[in-house]
Amino acid sequence: MHSNTLLSQTLNAITPADTVMRQQARARLDQLAIPHWALGQLMDTAEELAAMTRSMAPSVKRKAIAVMAGDHGIVAAGVSRFPQAVTVEMVRNFLNGKASINALARQVGASLTVVDAGVAGDLTELYHHDALWNRKVAAGTADLSRGPAMSRAQAIQCLEVGIEVANHLADTTDLYATGDMGIGNTSPSSAIIACLCGCDIATVTGRGTGLDDAALNNKIAVLDRALALNRPDAADGLDVLSKVGGFEIGAIAGLILGAAAQRKPVVIDGIISTAGALIAASLVPASRDYMIAGHCSVEPGHRIALNHLGKAPLLDLRLRLGEGTGAALAMHLVEAAVAVLTEIATFEEAAVSQANTPESANTESVAQ
């Protein structure tokens, strides 16, 4: 990889979150006029946001959700209940403003960008939409149960698609969120998670769009065969992406890397987005400092992947849709975390008496 490529420049621009700012935020949060850390994970998130943005008043008002769309050759192996044509139909639905992600993006006041990273169907009639980017790497990946999903060059290309989107949105975005669309994409996601988290494929493979037991067993067998055939190298995120990934998963990873290079938070959606987050983290471990886990889905591999990334999800609503819906729902909580950091008075500011410290409490009990 040449050092002057977009991918290399972005990887080199990512630095860990700021520990001094983290400590400053912790010091303020420790002094808020509430029982210690009584707002729990909101306070954890506030501390992380300060460290990411290098600010004690992080800005998260301007929100952007990017839905990456791509198709998968592996659907030919019977791993999904839905036909591949649904990918195109759902992209059309996004652009018509009638999908789940449209409703939830409007609810949190987020912009929505849809990216054709590798849809198999023809979207030409839709490319005039401002919200749709044509960045098709190819018309769907190859069947990863028969060989690599894509070439290494294509893996770099779809990562750069995501970086390009992040960079394009940078001037108008404080808070990013990832979304996906692609029939069959829980299969490559499960394969990525099994590889990068060192798990058995059966442990991380779920029912996707609602497979019955026989179809689930087939999906597991197909993915087991794919991993044995391709032997992706867990030490090389690009190898994993190219052998068992998807174009939209690579684009999601690129968006995360782009956000991290800008030192901006990115809310990660479900299992597909989290597979992308694993790819990003394998390329630059510091990129995980900029990730916020929006939710935990019912797909078994999702919690395993979040644990591997060291991320606690903000929500657990038994979601299993994708599209960025869980990430959208969590955006208000990210705003709430900033409000905790910036709007709640400390004991001193509010002139509220503090609780006795454990030391003073012990002294009193001895005196009695």
Protein backbone atom coordinates (compact mmCIF):
# COMPACT_ATOMS: atom_id res chain seq x y z
CA MET A 1 0.00 0.00 0.00
CA HIS A 2 1.48 3.35 -1.02
CA SER A 3 1.76 5.92 1.75
CA ASN A 4 0.03 8.54 -0.42
CA THR A 5 -3.21 6.60 -0.90
CA LEU A 6 -6.40 7.82 0.76
CA LEU A 7 -6.45 4.71 2.95
CA SER A 8 -2.84 5.13 4.10
CA GLN A 9 -3.27 8.84 4.79
CA THR A 10 -6.37 8.09 6.87
CA LEU A 11 -4.78 5.23 8.82
CA ASN A 12 -1.77 7.44 9.60
CA ALA A 13 -4.01 10.30 10.77
CA ILE A 14 -5.72 8.24 13.50
CA THR A 15 -4.38 8.86 16.99
CA PRO A 16 -5.66 7.56 20.34
CA ALA A 17 -8.22 9.61 22.25
CA ASP A 18 -6.76 12.25 24.58
CA THR A 19 -6.00 10.87 28.07
CA VAL A 20 -5.52 14.33 29.64
CA MET A 21 -8.96 15.44 28.43
CA ARG A 22 -10.38 12.12 29.65
CA GLN A 23 -8.97 12.85 33.12
CA GLN A 24 -10.36 16.41 33.08
CA ALA A 25 -13.81 15.11 32.16
CA ARG A 26 -13.56 12.41 34.84
CA ALA A 27 -12.61 15.04 37.44
CA ARG A 28 -15.65 17.15 36.58
CA LEU A 29 -18.04 14.18 36.42
CA ASP A 30 -16.71 12.97 39.80
CA GLN A 31 -17.80 16.31 41.30
CA LEU A 32 -21.33 16.53 39.87
CA ALA A 33 -24.01 17.22 42.46
CA ILE A 34 -25.36 13.66 42.31
CA PRO A 35 -24.37 10.41 44.03
CA HIS A 36 -21.06 9.25 42.57
CA TRP A 37 -21.39 8.14 38.93
CA ALA A 38 -25.16 7.85 39.43
CA LEU A 39 -25.82 8.40 35.72
CA GLY A 40 -23.70 5.36 34.92
CA GLN A 41 -23.10 4.71 31.26
CA LEU A 42 -24.13 8.23 30.26
CA MET A 43 -21.18 9.44 32.34
CA ASP A 44 -18.86 6.86 30.78
CA THR A 45 -19.96 8.11 27.36
CA ALA A 46 -19.48 11.76 28.37
CA GLU A 47 -15.92 11.00 29.44
CA GLU A 48 -15.23 9.17 26.16
CA LEU A 49 -16.67 12.03 24.08
CA ALA A 50 -14.42 14.57 25.81
CA ALA A 51 -11.39 12.38 25.10
CA MET A 52 -12.37 11.81 21.45
CA THR A 53 -13.11 15.43 20.63
CA ARG A 54 -10.44 17.01 22.89
CA SER A 55 -13.19 19.19 24.33
CA MET A 56 -15.00 19.62 27.64
CA ALA A 57 -18.04 20.73 25.62
CA PRO A 58 -18.18 18.23 22.76
CA SER A 59 -20.42 19.15 19.85
CA VAL A 60 -22.74 16.34 18.73
CA LYS A 61 -25.67 18.35 17.34
CA ARG A 62 -25.07 17.77 13.62
CA LYS A 63 -25.79 14.11 12.97
CA ALA A 64 -25.23 12.07 9.81
CA ILE A 65 -26.17 8.45 9.13
CA ALA A 66 -24.54 6.67 6.19
CA VAL A 67 -26.22 3.49 4.94
CA MET A 68 -23.83 1.37 2.89
CA ALA A 69 -25.49 -1.05 0.43
CA GLY A 70 -23.98 -4.12 -1.19
CA ASP A 71 -24.85 -7.62 -2.33
CA HIS A 72 -23.33 -11.02 -1.63
CA GLY A 73 -22.58 -13.96 -3.89
CA ILE A 74 -23.07 -16.31 -0.93
CA VAL A 75 -26.88 -15.91 -1.15
CA ALA A 76 -26.68 -18.54 -3.93
CA ALA A 77 -25.83 -21.04 -1.15
CA GLY A 78 -29.23 -20.53 0.49
CA VAL A 79 -28.17 -18.46 3.52
CA SER A 80 -31.05 -15.95 3.38
CA ARG A 81 -34.85 -16.13 3.32
CA PHE A 82 -35.12 -13.09 1.07
CA PRO A 83 -34.21 -12.78 -2.62
CA GLN A 84 -31.35 -10.50 -3.64
CA ALA A 85 -33.76 -8.16 -5.45
CA VAL A 86 -34.81 -6.84 -2.03
CA THR A 87 -31.50 -4.90 -1.77
CA VAL A 88 -32.47 -2.67 -4.73
CA GLU A 89 -36.07 -2.41 -3.54
CA MET A 90 -34.94 -1.27 -0.08
CA VAL A 91 -32.51 1.32 -1.50
CA ARG A 92 -35.48 2.71 -3.45
CA ASN A 93 -37.50 2.73 -0.22
CA PHE A 94 -34.72 4.66 1.59
CA LEU A 95 -34.73 7.28 -1.17
CA ASN A 96 -38.53 7.52 -1.00
CA GLY A 97 -38.19 8.29 2.72
CA LYS A 98 -40.43 5.39 3.75
CA ALA A 99 -38.06 2.91 5.40
CA SER A 100 -37.44 2.35 9.11
CA ILE A 101 -34.16 4.26 9.01
CA ASN A 102 -35.88 7.29 7.44
CA ALA A 103 -38.42 7.44 10.26
CA LEU A 104 -35.78 7.11 12.98
CA ALA A 105 -33.29 9.47 11.29
CA ARG A 106 -36.01 12.13 11.12
CA GLN A 107 -36.81 11.50 14.78
CA VAL A 108 -33.24 12.32 15.86
CA GLY A 109 -32.72 15.04 13.25
CA ALA A 110 -30.00 13.20 11.34
CA SER A 111 -29.19 13.48 7.65
CA LEU A 112 -29.23 10.24 5.64
CA THR A 113 -26.76 9.29 2.91
CA VAL A 114 -27.19 6.02 0.99
CA VAL A 115 -24.15 4.57 -0.75
CA ASP A 116 -24.17 1.93 -3.49
CA ALA A 117 -20.91 0.22 -2.58
CA GLY A 118 -21.70 -2.96 -4.50
CA VAL A 119 -25.38 -3.63 -5.15
CA ALA A 120 -25.89 -6.44 -7.69
CA GLY A 121 -29.02 -4.88 -9.20
CA ASP A 122 -29.21 -1.85 -11.46
CA LEU A 123 -29.70 1.43 -9.59
CA THR A 124 -29.11 3.72 -12.59
CA GLU A 125 -32.66 5.19 -12.45
CA LEU A 126 -32.00 6.23 -8.82
CA TYR A 127 -28.57 7.86 -9.18
CA HIS A 128 -30.14 11.30 -9.75
CA HIS A 129 -31.13 11.36 -6.05
CA ASP A 130 -28.88 13.69 -4.04
CA ALA A 131 -28.95 11.24 -1.12
CA LEU A 132 -27.57 8.33 -3.19
CA TRP A 133 -23.89 7.93 -3.96
CA ASN A 134 -22.84 5.64 -6.80
CA ARG A 135 -19.58 4.09 -5.62
CA LYS A 136 -20.21 0.55 -6.88
CA VAL A 137 -17.04 -1.52 -6.50
CA ALA A 138 -18.67 -4.43 -8.36
CA ALA A 139 -22.15 -5.93 -8.79
CA GLY A 140 -22.01 -7.89 -5.54
CA THR A 141 -19.20 -9.97 -4.06
CA ALA A 142 -18.21 -13.41 -5.28
CA ASP A 143 -19.57 -16.44 -3.39
CA LEU A 144 -17.19 -16.68 -0.42
CA SER A 145 -18.10 -20.35 0.08
CA ARG A 146 -16.32 -21.03 -3.26
CA GLY A 147 -13.37 -18.61 -2.99
CA PRO A 148 -12.47 -15.09 -1.88
CA ALA A 149 -15.37 -12.61 -1.72
CA MET A 150 -13.27 -9.93 -3.45
CA SER A 151 -9.72 -9.04 -4.44
CA ARG A 152 -7.40 -7.20 -2.08
CA ALA A 153 -7.60 -4.17 -4.41
CA GLN A 154 -11.40 -4.22 -4.11
CA ALA A 155 -11.10 -4.44 -0.32
CA ILE A 156 -8.99 -1.26 -0.34
CA GLN A 157 -11.45 0.35 -2.76
CA CYS A 158 -14.51 -0.21 -0.55
CA LEU A 159 -12.63 1.03 2.54
CA GLU A 160 -11.79 4.20 0.59
CA VAL A 161 -15.46 4.58 -0.39
CA GLY A 162 -16.34 4.84 3.31
CA ILE A 163 -13.47 7.25 4.00
CA GLU A 164 -14.61 9.41 1.08
CA VAL A 165 -18.14 9.57 2.52
CA ALA A 166 -16.81 10.53 5.97
CA ASN A 167 -14.61 13.23 4.44
CA HIS A 168 -17.44 14.59 2.29
CA LEU A 169 -19.74 14.88 5.32
CA ALA A 170 -17.01 16.25 7.63
CA ASP A 171 -17.84 19.96 7.36
CA THR A 172 -21.47 19.43 8.37
CA THR A 173 -21.15 16.52 10.81
CA ASP A 174 -20.29 16.24 14.51
CA LEU A 175 -21.66 12.73 15.08
CA TYR A 176 -21.64 9.89 12.55
CA ALA A 177 -23.63 6.66 12.52
CA THR A 178 -23.21 3.53 10.42
CA GLY A 179 -25.95 1.62 8.60
CA ASP A 180 -26.15 -1.21 6.10
CA MET A 181 -28.34 -2.81 3.47
CA GLY A 182 -27.57 -6.08 1.75
CA ILE A 183 -29.46 -9.35 1.58
CA GLY A 184 -27.31 -12.14 3.05
CA ASN A 185 -24.91 -9.82 4.86
CA THR A 186 -25.14 -11.47 8.28
CA SER A 187 -23.18 -14.36 6.69
CA PRO A 188 -19.97 -12.45 5.89
CA SER A 189 -20.41 -10.57 9.19
CA SER A 190 -20.48 -13.84 11.12
CA ALA A 191 -17.42 -15.07 9.22
CA ILE A 192 -15.51 -11.85 10.03
CA ILE A 193 -16.47 -12.08 13.71
CA ALA A 194 -15.50 -15.76 13.95
CA CYS A 195 -12.13 -14.96 12.40
CA LEU A 196 -11.24 -11.74 14.26
CA CYS A 197 -12.68 -12.81 17.63
CA GLY A 198 -11.25 -16.33 17.42
CA CYS A 199 -14.65 -18.01 17.80
CA ASP A 200 -16.30 -21.09 16.40
CA ILE A 201 -18.58 -20.11 13.49
CA ALA A 202 -21.62 -21.85 15.05
CA THR A 203 -21.28 -19.63 18.15
CA VAL A 204 -21.51 -16.38 16.20
CA THR A 205 -24.04 -17.30 13.50
CA GLY A 206 -27.68 -16.34 13.93
CA ARG A 207 -30.95 -16.57 12.04
CA GLY A 208 -30.52 -13.31 10.14
CA THR A 209 -33.88 -12.47 8.57
CA GLY A 210 -35.54 -15.43 10.33
CA LEU A 211 -34.09 -18.76 9.19
CA ASP A 212 -35.59 -21.97 10.55
CA ASP A 213 -33.37 -24.62 12.20
CA ALA A 214 -32.56 -26.48 8.97
CA ALA A 215 -31.65 -23.27 7.12
CA LEU A 216 -29.57 -22.07 10.08
CA ASN A 217 -27.64 -25.36 10.11
CA ASN A 218 -27.05 -24.96 6.36
CA LYS A 219 -25.81 -21.39 6.90
CA ILE A 220 -23.36 -22.56 9.58
CA ALA A 221 -22.09 -25.40 7.34
CA VAL A 222 -21.66 -23.03 4.37
CA LEU A 223 -19.71 -20.51 6.49
CA ASP A 224 -17.61 -23.24 8.07
CA ARG A 225 -16.66 -24.39 4.57
CA ALA A 226 -15.93 -20.77 3.52
CA LEU A 227 -13.54 -20.19 6.43
CA ALA A 228 -11.76 -23.52 5.86
CA LEU A 229 -11.40 -22.77 2.14
CA ASN A 230 -10.29 -19.11 2.37
CA ARG A 231 -8.28 -19.31 5.60
CA PRO A 232 -8.41 -15.54 6.28
CA ASP A 233 -5.46 -14.21 8.28
CA ALA A 234 -6.80 -12.73 11.54
CA ALA A 235 -3.63 -10.60 11.82
CA ASP A 236 -4.47 -8.83 8.54
CA GLY A 237 -7.81 -7.00 8.43
CA LEU A 238 -7.53 -6.46 4.68
CA ASP A 239 -7.11 -10.20 4.15
CA VAL A 240 -10.19 -10.94 6.27
CA LEU A 241 -12.26 -8.31 4.42
CA SER A 242 -11.19 -9.52 0.99
CA LYS A 243 -11.70 -13.22 1.68
CA VAL A 244 -14.94 -13.30 3.68
CA GLY A 245 -16.25 -9.70 3.75
CA GLY A 246 -18.67 -7.53 1.81
CA PHE A 247 -18.38 -4.25 -0.06
CA GLU A 248 -20.78 -2.47 2.30
CA ILE A 249 -18.93 -3.90 5.33
CA GLY A 250 -15.68 -2.48 3.97
CA ALA A 251 -17.37 0.87 3.35
CA ILE A 252 -18.66 0.89 6.94
CA ALA A 253 -15.12 0.19 8.19
CA GLY A 254 -13.90 3.08 6.02
CA LEU A 255 -16.52 5.45 7.43
CA ILE A 256 -15.40 4.54 10.96
CA LEU A 257 -11.74 5.11 10.05
CA GLY A 258 -12.65 8.44 8.43
CA ALA A 259 -14.52 9.57 11.55
CA ALA A 260 -11.63 8.47 13.79
CA ALA A 261 -9.15 10.43 11.66
CA GLN A 262 -11.35 13.51 12.20
CA ARG A 263 -11.49 12.79 15.97
CA LYS A 264 -15.26 12.55 15.79
CA PRO A 265 -17.54 9.98 17.42
CA VAL A 266 -19.22 7.31 15.29
CA VAL A 267 -22.19 5.33 16.59
CA ILE A 268 -21.99 1.70 15.50
CA ASP A 269 -25.23 -0.07 14.58
CA GLY A 270 -25.86 -3.83 14.55
CA ILE A 271 -23.90 -6.97 13.70
CA ILE A 272 -23.01 -5.88 10.14
CA SER A 273 -21.74 -2.48 11.27
CA THR A 274 -19.88 -4.12 14.15
CA ALA A 275 -18.18 -6.51 11.72
CA GLY A 276 -17.05 -3.36 9.90
CA ALA A 277 -15.87 -1.94 13.23
CA LEU A 278 -13.78 -5.08 13.81
CA ILE A 279 -12.11 -4.58 10.41
CA ALA A 280 -11.41 -0.92 11.27
CA ALA A 281 -9.98 -1.87 14.68
CA SER A 282 -7.78 -4.56 13.14
CA LEU A 283 -6.30 -1.96 10.76
CA VAL A 284 -5.84 0.74 13.46
CA PRO A 285 -6.50 -0.36 17.06
CA ALA A 286 -6.84 3.31 18.13
CA SER A 287 -9.91 3.67 15.90
CA ARG A 288 -11.97 1.91 18.58
CA ASP A 289 -11.49 4.99 20.80
CA TYR A 290 -13.96 6.82 18.52
CA MET A 291 -16.62 4.10 18.42
CA ILE A 292 -19.81 4.19 20.47
CA ALA A 293 -21.88 0.99 20.49
CA GLY A 294 -25.44 2.06 19.75
CA HIS A 295 -27.14 -1.16 20.77
CA CYS A 296 -26.82 -4.92 21.07
CA SER A 297 -28.91 -6.94 18.63
CA VAL A 298 -30.31 -10.44 19.05
CA GLU A 299 -27.74 -11.87 16.61
CA PRO A 300 -25.45 -14.02 18.81
CA GLY A 301 -22.26 -12.77 17.19
CA HIS A 302 -23.01 -9.15 17.96
CA ARG A 303 -22.37 -9.25 21.71
CA ILE A 304 -19.20 -11.30 21.15
CA ALA A 305 -17.94 -8.67 18.68
CA LEU A 306 -18.82 -5.79 21.04
CA ASN A 307 -17.00 -7.52 23.91
CA HIS A 308 -13.96 -8.00 21.66
CA LEU A 309 -13.99 -4.25 20.89
CA GLY A 310 -14.43 -3.46 24.60
CA LYS A 311 -17.73 -1.69 23.94
CA ALA A 312 -20.83 -1.63 26.15
CA PRO A 313 -23.99 -1.01 24.09
CA LEU A 314 -26.14 1.99 25.02
CA LEU A 315 -29.38 0.16 24.20
CA ASP A 316 -30.66 -3.42 24.21
CA LEU A 317 -34.06 -3.40 22.53
CA ARG A 318 -33.98 -6.84 20.84
CA LEU A 319 -33.44 -5.14 17.47
CA ARG A 320 -32.31 -7.13 14.45
CA LEU A 321 -33.01 -4.86 11.50
CA GLY A 322 -29.80 -3.07 10.58
CA GLU A 323 -30.09 -0.05 8.26
CA GLY A 324 -28.57 2.05 11.09
CA THR A 325 -31.79 1.95 13.13
CA GLY A 326 -30.16 1.06 16.47
CA ALA A 327 -27.43 3.66 15.94
CA ALA A 328 -30.04 6.32 15.15
CA LEU A 329 -31.96 5.53 18.35
CA ALA A 330 -28.76 5.90 20.40
CA MET A 331 -27.94 9.35 19.03
CA HIS A 332 -30.19 11.11 21.55
CA LEU A 333 -28.33 9.29 24.34
CA VAL A 334 -25.02 10.61 23.00
CA GLU A 335 -26.51 14.12 23.17
CA ALA A 336 -27.73 13.36 26.70
CA ALA A 337 -24.18 12.37 27.70
CA VAL A 338 -22.92 15.79 26.56
CA ALA A 339 -25.69 17.48 28.57
CA VAL A 340 -24.53 15.56 31.66
CA LEU A 341 -20.98 16.86 31.18
CA THR A 342 -21.88 20.45 30.32
CA GLU A 343 -25.16 21.30 32.06
CA ILE A 344 -25.15 19.63 35.49
CA ALA A 345 -23.63 21.67 38.30
CA THR A 346 -20.86 20.33 40.53
CA PHE A 347 -21.36 20.24 44.32
CA GLU A 348 -19.33 23.45 44.59
CA GLU A 349 -21.21 25.26 41.80
CA ALA A 350 -24.59 24.26 43.21
CA ALA A 351 -23.59 24.85 46.86
CA VAL A 352 -24.83 21.34 47.70
CA SER A 353 -23.36 19.50 50.68
CA GLN A 354 -21.38 16.44 49.68
CA ALA A 355 -21.76 13.01 51.20
CA ASN A 356 -19.29 12.02 53.90
CA THR A 357 -16.24 10.40 52.39
CA PRO A 358 -15.57 6.78 53.41
CA GLU A 359 -12.55 8.02 55.42
CA SER A 360 -14.57 10.53 57.47
CA ALA A 361 -17.35 7.97 57.96
CA ASN A 362 -14.80 5.48 59.34
CA THR A 363 -13.37 8.10 61.72
CA GLU A 364 -16.81 8.85 63.10
CA SER A 365 -17.60 5.19 63.74
CA VAL A 366 -14.29 4.78 65.59
CA ALA A 367 -15.05 7.86 67.73
CA GLN A 368 -18.38 6.37 68.76
